[in-house]
C-alpha cells in the first residue's frame, strides 16, 4: 500500500499525537468497571485511531496506517463487548496497536 506522499513533520506529529490519544483511551478502559464506561472510551479510541490512520496515510507511513487500522478494529471490538473482561482484553490489544502506531510514526520522521 505504498503511497507516494512525502512526510511532513506536521503530519508525522499529528499521526503520533492521535496514536498517543488512542493509547490513553485504551488505558482508561483498563480502569472502567462497567460496559457504559468501556463503550464511552472505546468510541473516543476509535476516533483517535481513525485520525491516526488518516495522518499516517497523508504522510505515507504505511506501517503506521496498518497498526492504526488494527487498533481501530480492536477498539471496535471493545465497543461491541458485552462485558468488562472482554472489553479490557481488546483494549490491551488496542493499546499495543497504539504503541506500534507511535513507533512507526516516529520512524517516519527519521
N, C-alpha and C. Protein backbone atom coordinates (compact mmCIF):
# COMPACT_ATOMS: atom_id res chain seq x y z
N UNK A 1 0.83 -1.18 0.00
CA UNK A 1 0.00 0.00 0.00
C UNK A 1 0.88 1.25 0.00
N UNK A 2 1.99 1.23 -0.64
CA UNK A 2 2.88 2.37 -0.63
C UNK A 2 2.21 3.58 -1.28
N UNK A 3 2.32 4.71 -0.60
CA UNK A 3 1.78 5.97 -1.12
C UNK A 3 2.95 6.89 -1.39
N UNK A 4 2.84 7.58 -2.46
CA UNK A 4 3.91 8.48 -2.85
C UNK A 4 3.70 9.85 -2.22
N UNK A 5 3.57 9.87 -0.91
CA UNK A 5 3.40 11.12 -0.19
C UNK A 5 4.70 11.38 0.56
N UNK A 6 5.12 12.61 0.56
CA UNK A 6 6.30 12.89 1.35
C UNK A 6 5.86 13.34 2.73
N UNK A 7 6.42 12.69 3.74
CA UNK A 7 6.01 13.03 5.09
C UNK A 7 6.46 14.44 5.46
N UNK A 8 5.57 15.15 6.06
CA UNK A 8 5.94 16.43 6.64
C UNK A 8 5.99 16.22 8.14
N UNK A 9 6.73 17.04 8.80
CA UNK A 9 6.85 16.89 10.26
C UNK A 9 5.48 17.05 10.91
N UNK A 10 4.63 17.90 10.34
CA UNK A 10 3.30 18.11 10.93
C UNK A 10 2.45 16.85 10.83
N UNK A 11 2.39 16.20 9.67
CA UNK A 11 1.55 15.02 9.54
C UNK A 11 2.10 13.87 10.38
N UNK A 12 3.41 13.76 10.47
CA UNK A 12 4.01 12.72 11.31
C UNK A 12 3.67 12.99 12.77
N UNK A 13 3.81 14.23 13.20
CA UNK A 13 3.48 14.58 14.59
C UNK A 13 1.98 14.39 14.86
N UNK A 14 1.15 14.71 13.88
CA UNK A 14 -0.29 14.51 14.05
C UNK A 14 -0.63 13.03 14.19
N UNK A 15 0.02 12.19 13.39
CA UNK A 15 -0.20 10.74 13.48
C UNK A 15 0.24 10.24 14.86
N UNK A 16 1.39 10.69 15.31
CA UNK A 16 1.90 10.29 16.62
C UNK A 16 0.95 10.76 17.72
N UNK A 17 0.51 12.00 17.64
CA UNK A 17 -0.38 12.56 18.66
C UNK A 17 -1.72 11.82 18.72
N UNK A 18 -2.29 11.52 17.56
CA UNK A 18 -3.56 10.79 17.52
C UNK A 18 -3.38 9.39 18.11
N UNK A 19 -2.26 8.75 17.82
CA UNK A 19 -1.99 7.42 18.37
C UNK A 19 -1.78 7.50 19.89
N UNK A 20 -1.14 8.58 20.34
CA UNK A 20 -0.95 8.79 21.77
C UNK A 20 -2.30 8.95 22.47
N UNK A 21 -3.21 9.69 21.84
CA UNK A 21 -4.57 9.82 22.38
C UNK A 21 -5.25 8.45 22.45
N UNK A 22 -5.10 7.66 21.39
CA UNK A 22 -5.70 6.33 21.37
C UNK A 22 -5.13 5.47 22.50
N UNK A 23 -3.85 5.58 22.73
CA UNK A 23 -3.21 4.84 23.82
C UNK A 23 -3.84 5.23 25.16
N UNK A 24 -4.05 6.51 25.36
CA UNK A 24 -4.65 7.00 26.61
C UNK A 24 -6.06 6.46 26.80
N UNK A 25 -6.86 6.49 25.74
CA UNK A 25 -8.23 5.99 25.85
C UNK A 25 -8.25 4.48 26.07
N UNK A 26 -7.34 3.76 25.44
CA UNK A 26 -7.26 2.31 25.67
C UNK A 26 -6.95 2.02 27.13
N UNK A 27 -6.03 2.80 27.70
CA UNK A 27 -5.67 2.60 29.10
C UNK A 27 -6.83 2.92 30.04
N UNK A 28 -7.66 3.89 29.67
CA UNK A 28 -8.81 4.23 30.52
C UNK A 28 -9.78 3.06 30.64
N UNK A 29 -9.85 2.24 29.60
CA UNK A 29 -10.72 1.07 29.65
C UNK A 29 -10.25 0.10 30.73
N UNK A 30 -8.93 0.05 30.98
CA UNK A 30 -8.40 -0.86 31.99
C UNK A 30 -9.02 -0.59 33.36
N UNK A 31 -9.37 0.65 33.62
CA UNK A 31 -9.87 1.04 34.94
C UNK A 31 -11.40 1.17 34.98
N UNK A 32 -12.04 0.95 33.86
CA UNK A 32 -13.50 1.03 33.81
C UNK A 32 -14.10 -0.21 34.47
N UNK A 33 -15.21 -0.01 35.15
CA UNK A 33 -15.82 -1.13 35.85
C UNK A 33 -17.23 -1.45 35.35
N UNK A 34 -17.60 -0.85 34.21
CA UNK A 34 -18.91 -1.16 33.63
C UNK A 34 -18.85 -0.95 32.12
N UNK A 35 -19.79 -1.57 31.42
CA UNK A 35 -19.76 -1.53 29.96
C UNK A 35 -20.06 -0.14 29.41
N UNK A 36 -20.83 0.67 30.12
CA UNK A 36 -21.10 2.02 29.63
C UNK A 36 -19.81 2.84 29.53
N UNK A 37 -18.98 2.77 30.57
CA UNK A 37 -17.71 3.50 30.55
C UNK A 37 -16.78 2.93 29.47
N UNK A 38 -16.76 1.62 29.36
CA UNK A 38 -15.91 0.98 28.34
C UNK A 38 -16.32 1.45 26.95
N UNK A 39 -17.59 1.48 26.68
CA UNK A 39 -18.06 1.90 25.36
C UNK A 39 -17.80 3.38 25.12
N UNK A 40 -17.91 4.19 26.16
CA UNK A 40 -17.63 5.62 26.04
C UNK A 40 -16.17 5.84 25.58
N UNK A 41 -15.23 5.17 26.28
CA UNK A 41 -13.81 5.32 25.92
C UNK A 41 -13.49 4.63 24.61
N UNK A 42 -14.18 3.54 24.30
CA UNK A 42 -13.93 2.84 23.04
C UNK A 42 -14.27 3.73 21.85
N UNK A 43 -15.35 4.50 21.95
CA UNK A 43 -15.72 5.40 20.85
C UNK A 43 -14.67 6.48 20.66
N UNK A 44 -14.15 7.01 21.76
CA UNK A 44 -13.08 8.01 21.66
C UNK A 44 -11.82 7.37 21.08
N UNK A 45 -11.57 6.14 21.49
CA UNK A 45 -10.43 5.39 20.98
C UNK A 45 -10.55 5.18 19.46
N UNK A 46 -11.73 4.78 19.02
CA UNK A 46 -11.96 4.57 17.58
C UNK A 46 -11.72 5.86 16.80
N UNK A 47 -12.20 6.98 17.33
CA UNK A 47 -12.00 8.27 16.65
C UNK A 47 -10.52 8.62 16.57
N UNK A 48 -9.78 8.35 17.64
CA UNK A 48 -8.35 8.66 17.64
C UNK A 48 -7.60 7.76 16.65
N UNK A 49 -7.96 6.48 16.61
CA UNK A 49 -7.33 5.59 15.64
C UNK A 49 -7.68 6.01 14.21
N UNK A 50 -8.90 6.44 14.00
CA UNK A 50 -9.30 6.91 12.67
C UNK A 50 -8.46 8.12 12.26
N UNK A 51 -8.25 9.04 13.19
CA UNK A 51 -7.39 10.20 12.92
C UNK A 51 -5.96 9.75 12.62
N UNK A 52 -5.46 8.81 13.42
CA UNK A 52 -4.09 8.32 13.21
C UNK A 52 -3.95 7.68 11.83
N UNK A 53 -4.96 6.92 11.41
CA UNK A 53 -4.91 6.32 10.07
C UNK A 53 -4.84 7.39 9.01
N UNK A 54 -5.67 8.41 9.15
CA UNK A 54 -5.70 9.49 8.16
C UNK A 54 -4.36 10.21 8.08
N UNK A 55 -3.79 10.55 9.22
CA UNK A 55 -2.50 11.25 9.22
C UNK A 55 -1.38 10.34 8.71
N UNK A 56 -1.41 9.08 9.10
CA UNK A 56 -0.38 8.15 8.62
C UNK A 56 -0.47 7.98 7.11
N UNK A 57 -1.69 7.93 6.60
CA UNK A 57 -1.88 7.84 5.15
C UNK A 57 -1.31 9.09 4.47
N UNK A 58 -1.63 10.25 5.04
CA UNK A 58 -1.18 11.52 4.45
C UNK A 58 0.34 11.62 4.39
N UNK A 59 1.02 11.03 5.35
CA UNK A 59 2.49 11.15 5.33
C UNK A 59 3.15 9.91 4.74
N UNK A 60 2.34 8.97 4.24
CA UNK A 60 2.89 7.81 3.57
C UNK A 60 3.49 6.78 4.51
N UNK A 61 3.08 6.80 5.75
CA UNK A 61 3.60 5.86 6.74
C UNK A 61 2.71 4.62 6.74
N UNK A 62 3.01 3.69 5.83
CA UNK A 62 2.16 2.51 5.63
C UNK A 62 2.07 1.62 6.87
N UNK A 63 3.20 1.42 7.55
CA UNK A 63 3.17 0.59 8.75
C UNK A 63 2.34 1.25 9.85
N UNK A 64 2.47 2.56 9.97
CA UNK A 64 1.66 3.29 10.95
C UNK A 64 0.18 3.21 10.63
N UNK A 65 -0.13 3.29 9.35
CA UNK A 65 -1.53 3.17 8.91
C UNK A 65 -2.08 1.79 9.28
N UNK A 66 -1.31 0.75 8.99
CA UNK A 66 -1.75 -0.62 9.28
C UNK A 66 -1.95 -0.83 10.78
N UNK A 67 -1.00 -0.36 11.58
CA UNK A 67 -1.12 -0.51 13.03
C UNK A 67 -2.35 0.22 13.56
N UNK A 68 -2.59 1.42 13.04
CA UNK A 68 -3.77 2.18 13.47
C UNK A 68 -5.06 1.49 13.02
N UNK A 69 -5.02 0.87 11.86
CA UNK A 69 -6.18 0.13 11.36
C UNK A 69 -6.49 -1.06 12.28
N UNK A 70 -5.45 -1.79 12.68
CA UNK A 70 -5.64 -2.88 13.65
C UNK A 70 -6.20 -2.33 14.96
N UNK A 71 -5.67 -1.19 15.38
CA UNK A 71 -6.15 -0.57 16.62
C UNK A 71 -7.61 -0.20 16.53
N UNK A 72 -7.99 0.34 15.39
CA UNK A 72 -9.41 0.70 15.19
C UNK A 72 -10.28 -0.55 15.32
N UNK A 73 -9.84 -1.64 14.70
CA UNK A 73 -10.61 -2.90 14.76
C UNK A 73 -10.73 -3.40 16.20
N UNK A 74 -9.64 -3.32 16.95
CA UNK A 74 -9.69 -3.76 18.34
C UNK A 74 -10.53 -2.83 19.20
N UNK A 75 -10.45 -1.53 18.95
CA UNK A 75 -11.29 -0.58 19.69
C UNK A 75 -12.77 -0.82 19.39
N UNK A 76 -13.06 -1.19 18.16
CA UNK A 76 -14.44 -1.50 17.79
C UNK A 76 -14.92 -2.75 18.54
N UNK A 77 -14.02 -3.72 18.71
CA UNK A 77 -14.37 -4.91 19.48
C UNK A 77 -14.61 -4.55 20.95
N UNK A 78 -13.85 -3.59 21.45
CA UNK A 78 -14.10 -3.09 22.82
C UNK A 78 -15.51 -2.52 22.87
N UNK A 79 -15.84 -1.69 21.91
CA UNK A 79 -17.15 -1.05 21.88
C UNK A 79 -18.29 -2.06 21.81
N UNK A 80 -18.05 -3.17 21.13
CA UNK A 80 -19.09 -4.18 20.96
C UNK A 80 -19.09 -5.23 22.06
N UNK A 81 -18.19 -5.09 23.04
CA UNK A 81 -18.10 -6.09 24.10
C UNK A 81 -19.33 -6.05 25.00
N UNK A 82 -19.73 -7.25 25.40
CA UNK A 82 -20.89 -7.39 26.29
C UNK A 82 -20.52 -7.39 27.75
N UNK A 83 -19.22 -7.47 28.03
CA UNK A 83 -18.81 -7.49 29.44
C UNK A 83 -17.45 -6.81 29.59
N UNK A 84 -17.15 -6.49 30.83
CA UNK A 84 -15.94 -5.73 31.14
C UNK A 84 -14.68 -6.52 30.77
N UNK A 85 -14.64 -7.80 31.08
CA UNK A 85 -13.44 -8.60 30.82
C UNK A 85 -13.09 -8.63 29.34
N UNK A 86 -14.09 -8.86 28.49
CA UNK A 86 -13.83 -8.86 27.05
C UNK A 86 -13.37 -7.49 26.58
N UNK A 87 -14.01 -6.44 27.07
CA UNK A 87 -13.62 -5.09 26.70
C UNK A 87 -12.18 -4.79 27.07
N UNK A 88 -11.78 -5.21 28.26
CA UNK A 88 -10.41 -4.96 28.70
C UNK A 88 -9.41 -5.80 27.91
N UNK A 89 -9.81 -7.00 27.52
CA UNK A 89 -8.94 -7.84 26.69
C UNK A 89 -8.61 -7.14 25.37
N UNK A 90 -9.64 -6.65 24.69
CA UNK A 90 -9.42 -5.98 23.41
C UNK A 90 -8.76 -4.61 23.59
N UNK A 91 -8.98 -3.98 24.73
CA UNK A 91 -8.32 -2.70 24.99
C UNK A 91 -6.82 -2.89 25.12
N UNK A 92 -6.39 -4.01 25.71
CA UNK A 92 -4.94 -4.28 25.79
C UNK A 92 -4.35 -4.41 24.38
N UNK A 93 -5.09 -5.08 23.49
CA UNK A 93 -4.63 -5.21 22.11
C UNK A 93 -4.59 -3.83 21.44
N UNK A 94 -5.62 -3.02 21.66
CA UNK A 94 -5.67 -1.69 21.06
C UNK A 94 -4.53 -0.82 21.57
N UNK A 95 -4.21 -0.95 22.85
CA UNK A 95 -3.09 -0.16 23.40
C UNK A 95 -1.79 -0.56 22.71
N UNK A 96 -1.59 -1.86 22.51
CA UNK A 96 -0.39 -2.32 21.82
C UNK A 96 -0.34 -1.75 20.39
N UNK A 97 -1.51 -1.73 19.73
CA UNK A 97 -1.57 -1.17 18.38
C UNK A 97 -1.25 0.32 18.39
N UNK A 98 -1.72 1.03 19.41
CA UNK A 98 -1.41 2.46 19.53
C UNK A 98 0.09 2.67 19.73
N UNK A 99 0.69 1.84 20.59
CA UNK A 99 2.14 1.91 20.79
C UNK A 99 2.89 1.67 19.48
N UNK A 100 2.44 0.67 18.72
CA UNK A 100 3.07 0.37 17.43
C UNK A 100 2.91 1.54 16.47
N UNK A 101 1.72 2.14 16.45
CA UNK A 101 1.49 3.28 15.56
C UNK A 101 2.43 4.43 15.90
N UNK A 102 2.60 4.70 17.19
CA UNK A 102 3.51 5.77 17.60
C UNK A 102 4.94 5.45 17.18
N UNK A 103 5.33 4.20 17.35
CA UNK A 103 6.69 3.80 16.96
C UNK A 103 6.91 3.96 15.47
N UNK A 104 5.94 3.53 14.67
CA UNK A 104 6.08 3.67 13.22
C UNK A 104 6.08 5.14 12.80
N UNK A 105 5.24 5.94 13.44
CA UNK A 105 5.21 7.37 13.11
C UNK A 105 6.56 8.00 13.45
N UNK A 106 7.13 7.59 14.57
CA UNK A 106 8.44 8.09 14.97
C UNK A 106 9.50 7.70 13.94
N UNK A 107 9.41 6.45 13.43
CA UNK A 107 10.35 6.01 12.40
C UNK A 107 10.20 6.82 11.11
N UNK A 108 8.97 7.23 10.80
CA UNK A 108 8.72 8.00 9.56
C UNK A 108 9.33 9.40 9.65
N UNK A 109 9.58 9.87 10.86
CA UNK A 109 10.13 11.21 11.00
C UNK A 109 11.64 11.24 10.83
N UNK A 110 12.26 10.05 10.80
CA UNK A 110 13.72 9.99 10.65
C UNK A 110 14.16 10.30 9.24
